[in-house]
Amino acid sequence: MCMGFGCNAAGVVGCRIIDAPRERLLAVLTNSFVPCNGRFSALIAVITMFFCIFERSVLNSAVAAVGLLLVILLGIGMSFIVTRLLSATLLQGEAAPFALELPPYRRPRIIGVLVRSMLDRTLFVLGRAMLVAAPAGLLIWVLANVSIGGASLLSLLAGWLDPLGGILGLDGMILLAFILGLPANEIVLPVLLMGYMAEGTLQDTAALSDIHQLLLANGWTLLTAVCFLVFMLFHWPCSTTLLTIRKETGSWRWAALAAVLPAGIGLGMCMLLNLAMQLLA
């Protein structure tokens, strides 16, 4: 889980340390419930824009820290809950003992550690990412630059997703940004800004105040921000993580389940939040 905070794909690979197949599979399926490094930027940005509304910077920093901590704790708590449910239903069985042998202490070999980390973690994850990053980038460019009837394919697809987005307290462009962000969670927010600004390239707006005004102009409310945070925390893992799960488990079935579990929870929570807000209104 701790490795998943950096990269869920690396966290899945790190599950190899668990000898028992059942417990290892449980850890693999629930690793993406904790936010990876690619999701932190969007989480922090939205929390800062919509919840840090005080004049004193100290209060804003405290609110941002507490808000991000609550999001992280929600992910960890949901990971425990889903693990418990899976172990009682789909992956029933007796808990296997976890034995960790501690080898004799030796002086660390810095070069060896760096080489193994590079081969086992960095190059492995980057190689998986390259398999889908280039085709996905081409797809996003085509959708943003090819127009039909004066409207880009990006805006047309977002319009088709608007009814579903309305049920979830979001909009069609947000859902489309998550779908197109499958290669990497880092591009969800830039794709969303590109769609709102009707531009043909990914956006990198430096000022959060400008992004905030853009989101408000496109109908964002406090409910939209909360639902975005929930869905950013609970949605399908990136393609690199899914490919890694496929390799580690040897089955696309488990990779599909690892995508359906968080996405189903995220969709359900957003729907309930939207429904509760409508009842209160």
Protein backbone atom coordinates (compact mmCIF):
# COMPACT_ATOMS: atom_id res chain seq x y z
CA MET A 1 0.00 0.00 0.00
CA CYS A 2 2.82 2.41 0.83
CA MET A 3 4.44 1.74 -2.54
CA GLY A 4 1.06 2.40 -4.17
CA PHE A 5 1.18 6.00 -2.98
CA GLY A 6 4.08 6.45 -5.37
CA CYS A 7 2.80 4.27 -8.21
CA ASN A 8 0.09 1.62 -8.12
CA ALA A 9 1.91 -0.42 -10.75
CA ALA A 10 5.00 -0.56 -8.54
CA GLY A 11 2.76 -1.40 -5.60
CA VAL A 12 1.29 -4.34 -7.50
CA VAL A 13 4.78 -5.60 -8.32
CA GLY A 14 5.71 -5.19 -4.67
CA CYS A 15 2.97 -7.67 -3.72
CA ARG A 16 5.34 -10.43 -4.84
CA ILE A 17 6.70 -10.43 -1.29
CA ILE A 18 3.46 -12.13 -0.15
CA ASP A 19 3.87 -15.89 -0.54
CA ALA A 20 0.21 -16.93 -0.09
CA PRO A 21 -1.58 -16.67 -3.49
CA ARG A 22 -4.92 -15.64 -1.95
CA GLU A 23 -3.50 -12.85 0.21
CA ARG A 24 -1.29 -11.68 -2.66
CA LEU A 25 -4.31 -11.44 -4.98
CA LEU A 26 -6.26 -9.48 -2.36
CA ALA A 27 -3.40 -7.00 -2.07
CA VAL A 28 -3.13 -6.68 -5.86
CA LEU A 29 -6.85 -6.04 -6.36
CA THR A 30 -7.06 -3.34 -3.68
CA ASN A 31 -3.77 -1.53 -4.24
CA SER A 32 -5.31 1.13 -6.49
CA PHE A 33 -7.66 2.28 -3.71
CA VAL A 34 -4.84 4.43 -2.37
CA PRO A 35 -4.07 7.49 -4.53
CA CYS A 36 -0.90 7.28 -6.57
CA ASN A 37 1.41 10.19 -7.25
CA GLY A 38 -0.44 10.94 -10.51
CA ARG A 39 -3.67 11.66 -8.65
CA PHE A 40 -2.22 13.89 -5.94
CA SER A 41 -1.80 16.94 -8.19
CA ALA A 42 -5.49 17.02 -9.18
CA LEU A 43 -6.63 16.26 -5.63
CA ILE A 44 -4.53 19.06 -4.14
CA ALA A 45 -5.56 21.52 -6.87
CA VAL A 46 -9.30 20.97 -6.42
CA ILE A 47 -9.08 21.02 -2.61
CA THR A 48 -7.13 24.28 -2.76
CA MET A 49 -9.47 25.96 -5.25
CA PHE A 50 -12.79 25.08 -3.61
CA PHE A 51 -12.07 24.66 0.09
CA CYS A 52 -9.20 27.03 0.89
CA ILE A 53 -11.34 30.18 1.01
CA PHE A 54 -9.84 31.92 4.03
CA GLU A 55 -7.82 35.14 3.90
CA ARG A 56 -5.05 33.80 6.13
CA SER A 57 -2.65 31.48 4.37
CA VAL A 58 -2.09 29.48 7.56
CA LEU A 59 -5.75 28.49 7.66
CA ASN A 60 -5.74 27.61 3.97
CA SER A 61 -2.68 25.41 4.43
CA ALA A 62 -4.33 23.65 7.36
CA VAL A 63 -7.56 23.09 5.40
CA ALA A 64 -5.63 21.72 2.42
CA ALA A 65 -3.61 19.38 4.62
CA VAL A 66 -6.65 18.11 6.52
CA GLY A 67 -8.67 17.72 3.30
CA LEU A 68 -5.96 15.70 1.59
CA LEU A 69 -5.49 13.60 4.74
CA LEU A 70 -9.22 12.80 4.81
CA VAL A 71 -9.11 11.73 1.16
CA ILE A 72 -6.15 9.45 1.85
CA LEU A 73 -7.83 7.94 4.91
CA LEU A 74 -10.99 7.34 2.88
CA GLY A 75 -8.96 5.41 0.32
CA ILE A 76 -7.18 3.35 2.99
CA GLY A 77 -10.43 2.62 4.81
CA MET A 78 -12.15 1.54 1.61
CA SER A 79 -9.18 -0.70 0.82
CA PHE A 80 -9.66 -2.52 4.14
CA ILE A 81 -13.43 -2.81 3.64
CA VAL A 82 -13.15 -4.21 0.10
CA THR A 83 -10.41 -6.62 1.18
CA ARG A 84 -12.68 -7.90 3.94
CA LEU A 85 -15.63 -8.29 1.56
CA LEU A 86 -13.55 -10.10 -1.06
CA SER A 87 -12.07 -12.46 1.53
CA ALA A 88 -15.59 -13.33 2.68
CA THR A 89 -17.09 -13.82 -0.80
CA LEU A 90 -15.12 -14.20 -4.01
CA LEU A 91 -11.80 -15.11 -2.42
CA GLN A 92 -12.89 -17.18 0.54
CA GLY A 93 -10.38 -19.27 2.38
CA GLU A 94 -8.40 -19.56 5.55
CA ALA A 95 -5.93 -16.82 6.24
CA ALA A 96 -2.40 -17.95 5.59
CA PRO A 97 0.35 -17.06 8.05
CA PHE A 98 2.73 -14.37 6.91
CA ALA A 99 6.35 -15.26 7.56
CA LEU A 100 9.06 -12.78 6.69
CA GLU A 101 12.60 -14.04 6.98
CA LEU A 102 15.17 -11.48 7.95
CA PRO A 103 18.49 -12.22 6.26
CA PRO A 104 21.80 -11.57 8.00
CA TYR A 105 22.62 -7.88 8.14
CA ARG A 106 25.05 -6.79 5.48
CA ARG A 107 26.41 -3.43 4.51
CA PRO A 108 24.18 -2.01 1.72
CA ARG A 109 25.69 -1.99 -1.75
CA ILE A 110 24.53 1.33 -3.18
CA ILE A 111 25.27 0.51 -6.82
CA GLY A 112 23.51 -2.83 -6.60
CA VAL A 113 20.42 -1.30 -4.99
CA LEU A 114 20.23 1.41 -7.64
CA VAL A 115 20.65 -1.06 -10.51
CA ARG A 116 18.02 -3.49 -9.20
CA SER A 117 15.60 -0.65 -8.46
CA MET A 118 16.10 0.72 -11.96
CA LEU A 119 15.52 -2.68 -13.60
CA ASP A 120 12.74 -3.98 -11.36
CA ARG A 121 10.77 -0.79 -10.86
CA THR A 122 11.54 2.21 -13.08
CA LEU A 123 12.24 0.58 -16.45
CA PHE A 124 9.48 -1.99 -15.95
CA VAL A 125 6.83 0.66 -15.25
CA LEU A 126 8.06 2.99 -18.00
CA GLY A 127 8.02 0.16 -20.51
CA ARG A 128 4.42 -0.67 -19.66
CA ALA A 129 3.45 3.00 -19.89
CA MET A 130 4.99 3.41 -23.35
CA LEU A 131 2.82 0.60 -24.73
CA VAL A 132 -0.28 2.76 -24.36
CA ALA A 133 0.95 6.35 -23.95
CA ALA A 134 1.76 7.00 -27.61
CA PRO A 135 -1.50 5.60 -29.07
CA ALA A 136 -3.54 7.35 -26.38
CA GLY A 137 -1.82 10.67 -27.08
CA LEU A 138 -2.64 10.32 -30.77
CA LEU A 139 -6.28 9.54 -29.95
CA ILE A 140 -6.61 12.63 -27.73
CA TRP A 141 -5.10 14.84 -30.44
CA VAL A 142 -7.50 13.46 -33.07
CA LEU A 143 -10.55 13.96 -30.85
CA ALA A 144 -9.56 17.54 -30.08
CA ASN A 145 -8.64 18.58 -33.63
CA VAL A 146 -11.14 16.75 -35.85
CA SER A 147 -14.48 18.56 -36.11
CA ILE A 148 -17.91 17.51 -37.33
CA GLY A 149 -20.45 20.23 -37.98
CA GLY A 150 -18.24 22.86 -36.38
CA ALA A 151 -17.82 20.93 -33.14
CA SER A 152 -14.82 18.83 -32.19
CA LEU A 153 -15.19 15.13 -31.56
CA LEU A 154 -14.12 15.85 -27.98
CA SER A 155 -17.07 18.16 -27.36
CA LEU A 156 -19.50 15.82 -29.14
CA LEU A 157 -18.47 12.85 -26.99
CA ALA A 158 -18.74 15.02 -23.88
CA GLY A 159 -22.27 15.98 -24.90
CA TRP A 160 -23.25 12.32 -25.19
CA LEU A 161 -21.88 11.67 -21.69
CA ASP A 162 -23.63 14.68 -20.12
CA PRO A 163 -26.78 12.78 -18.99
CA LEU A 164 -24.67 10.22 -17.11
CA GLY A 165 -22.47 12.97 -15.73
CA GLY A 166 -25.51 14.81 -14.42
CA ILE A 167 -26.60 11.72 -12.46
CA LEU A 168 -23.16 11.56 -10.85
CA GLY A 169 -22.93 15.24 -9.96
CA LEU A 170 -20.35 15.77 -12.70
CA ASP A 171 -20.63 16.53 -16.42
CA GLY A 172 -19.80 14.81 -19.68
CA MET A 173 -16.45 16.53 -20.12
CA ILE A 174 -15.27 15.34 -16.70
CA LEU A 175 -16.22 11.74 -17.47
CA LEU A 176 -14.54 11.96 -20.87
CA ALA A 177 -11.37 13.32 -19.25
CA PHE A 178 -11.27 10.31 -16.93
CA ILE A 179 -11.79 7.93 -19.85
CA LEU A 180 -9.06 9.58 -21.92
CA GLY A 181 -6.87 9.71 -18.83
CA LEU A 182 -6.62 5.92 -18.75
CA PRO A 183 -2.94 5.96 -19.85
CA ALA A 184 -1.95 8.17 -16.91
CA ASN A 185 -3.87 9.87 -14.11
CA GLU A 186 -1.69 12.96 -14.51
CA ILE A 187 -3.44 13.96 -17.75
CA VAL A 188 -7.04 13.91 -16.46
CA LEU A 189 -7.04 17.55 -15.37
CA PRO A 190 -5.14 18.85 -18.46
CA VAL A 191 -7.55 17.00 -20.79
CA LEU A 192 -10.47 18.48 -18.86
CA LEU A 193 -9.08 22.01 -19.20
CA MET A 194 -8.43 21.42 -22.89
CA GLY A 195 -12.04 20.41 -23.39
CA TYR A 196 -13.40 23.40 -21.49
CA MET A 197 -11.18 25.83 -23.38
CA ALA A 198 -11.95 24.16 -26.74
CA GLU A 199 -8.24 23.96 -27.49
CA GLY A 200 -6.44 21.31 -29.48
CA THR A 201 -3.55 20.81 -27.07
CA LEU A 202 -3.13 19.81 -23.44
CA GLN A 203 -3.22 22.75 -21.08
CA ASP A 204 -0.74 23.64 -18.35
CA THR A 205 -2.22 26.68 -16.67
CA ALA A 206 0.05 27.90 -13.89
CA ALA A 207 -2.41 30.00 -11.84
CA LEU A 208 -4.96 28.09 -9.81
CA SER A 209 -7.16 31.18 -9.74
CA ASP A 210 -7.47 31.05 -13.55
CA ILE A 211 -8.36 27.35 -13.43
CA HIS A 212 -10.88 28.06 -10.68
CA GLN A 213 -12.63 30.72 -12.74
CA LEU A 214 -12.66 28.42 -15.77
CA LEU A 215 -14.27 25.62 -13.78
CA LEU A 216 -16.88 27.96 -12.30
CA ALA A 217 -17.68 29.28 -15.76
CA ASN A 218 -18.38 25.71 -16.87
CA GLY A 219 -20.90 25.06 -14.12
CA TRP A 220 -18.74 23.68 -11.33
CA THR A 221 -20.19 23.89 -7.83
CA LEU A 222 -19.04 22.66 -4.43
CA LEU A 223 -20.90 19.41 -5.13
CA THR A 224 -19.05 19.02 -8.44
CA ALA A 225 -15.74 19.49 -6.65
CA VAL A 226 -16.59 16.88 -3.99
CA CYS A 227 -17.76 14.36 -6.60
CA PHE A 228 -14.61 15.00 -8.64
CA LEU A 229 -12.45 14.30 -5.58
CA VAL A 230 -14.34 11.08 -4.88
CA PHE A 231 -14.11 9.88 -8.46
CA MET A 232 -10.46 10.87 -8.72
CA LEU A 233 -9.85 8.68 -5.67
CA PHE A 234 -12.07 5.81 -6.81
CA HIS A 235 -11.92 5.12 -10.53
CA TRP A 236 -10.27 2.54 -12.75
CA PRO A 237 -6.48 2.20 -12.42
CA CYS A 238 -4.27 3.54 -15.18
CA SER A 239 -3.43 1.28 -18.09
CA THR A 240 0.08 0.65 -16.78
CA THR A 241 -1.34 -0.70 -13.54
CA LEU A 242 -3.88 -2.84 -15.39
CA LEU A 243 -1.18 -4.34 -17.61
CA THR A 244 0.94 -5.00 -14.53
CA ILE A 245 -1.98 -6.75 -12.80
CA ARG A 246 -2.49 -8.85 -15.93
CA LYS A 247 1.16 -9.88 -15.87
CA GLU A 248 1.29 -10.56 -12.13
CA THR A 249 -1.96 -12.57 -11.99
CA GLY A 250 -1.78 -14.14 -15.45
CA SER A 251 -5.43 -13.32 -16.18
CA TRP A 252 -7.36 -10.45 -17.73
CA ARG A 253 -10.26 -11.42 -15.48
CA TRP A 254 -8.48 -10.18 -12.38
CA ALA A 255 -7.33 -7.04 -14.19
CA ALA A 256 -10.94 -6.33 -15.16
CA LEU A 257 -12.08 -6.88 -11.57
CA ALA A 258 -9.36 -4.51 -10.33
CA ALA A 259 -10.84 -1.86 -12.66
CA VAL A 260 -14.51 -2.54 -11.88
CA LEU A 261 -14.15 -2.52 -8.08
CA PRO A 262 -12.93 1.08 -7.55
CA ALA A 263 -14.91 2.43 -10.50
CA GLY A 264 -18.13 0.91 -9.19
CA ILE A 265 -17.52 2.34 -5.73
CA GLY A 266 -16.70 5.77 -7.16
CA LEU A 267 -19.78 5.85 -9.39
CA GLY A 268 -22.00 4.70 -6.53
CA MET A 269 -20.64 7.26 -4.06
CA CYS A 270 -20.97 10.12 -6.56
CA MET A 271 -24.54 9.09 -7.35
CA LEU A 272 -25.46 8.97 -3.66
CA LEU A 273 -23.84 12.35 -2.99
CA ASN A 274 -25.73 13.93 -5.88
CA LEU A 275 -29.00 12.35 -4.79
CA ALA A 276 -28.53 13.47 -1.18
CA MET A 277 -27.83 17.03 -2.30
CA GLN A 278 -30.98 17.07 -4.43
CA LEU A 279 -33.09 15.80 -1.53
CA LEU A 280 -31.65 18.42 0.79
CA ALA A 281 -32.30 21.14 -1.75
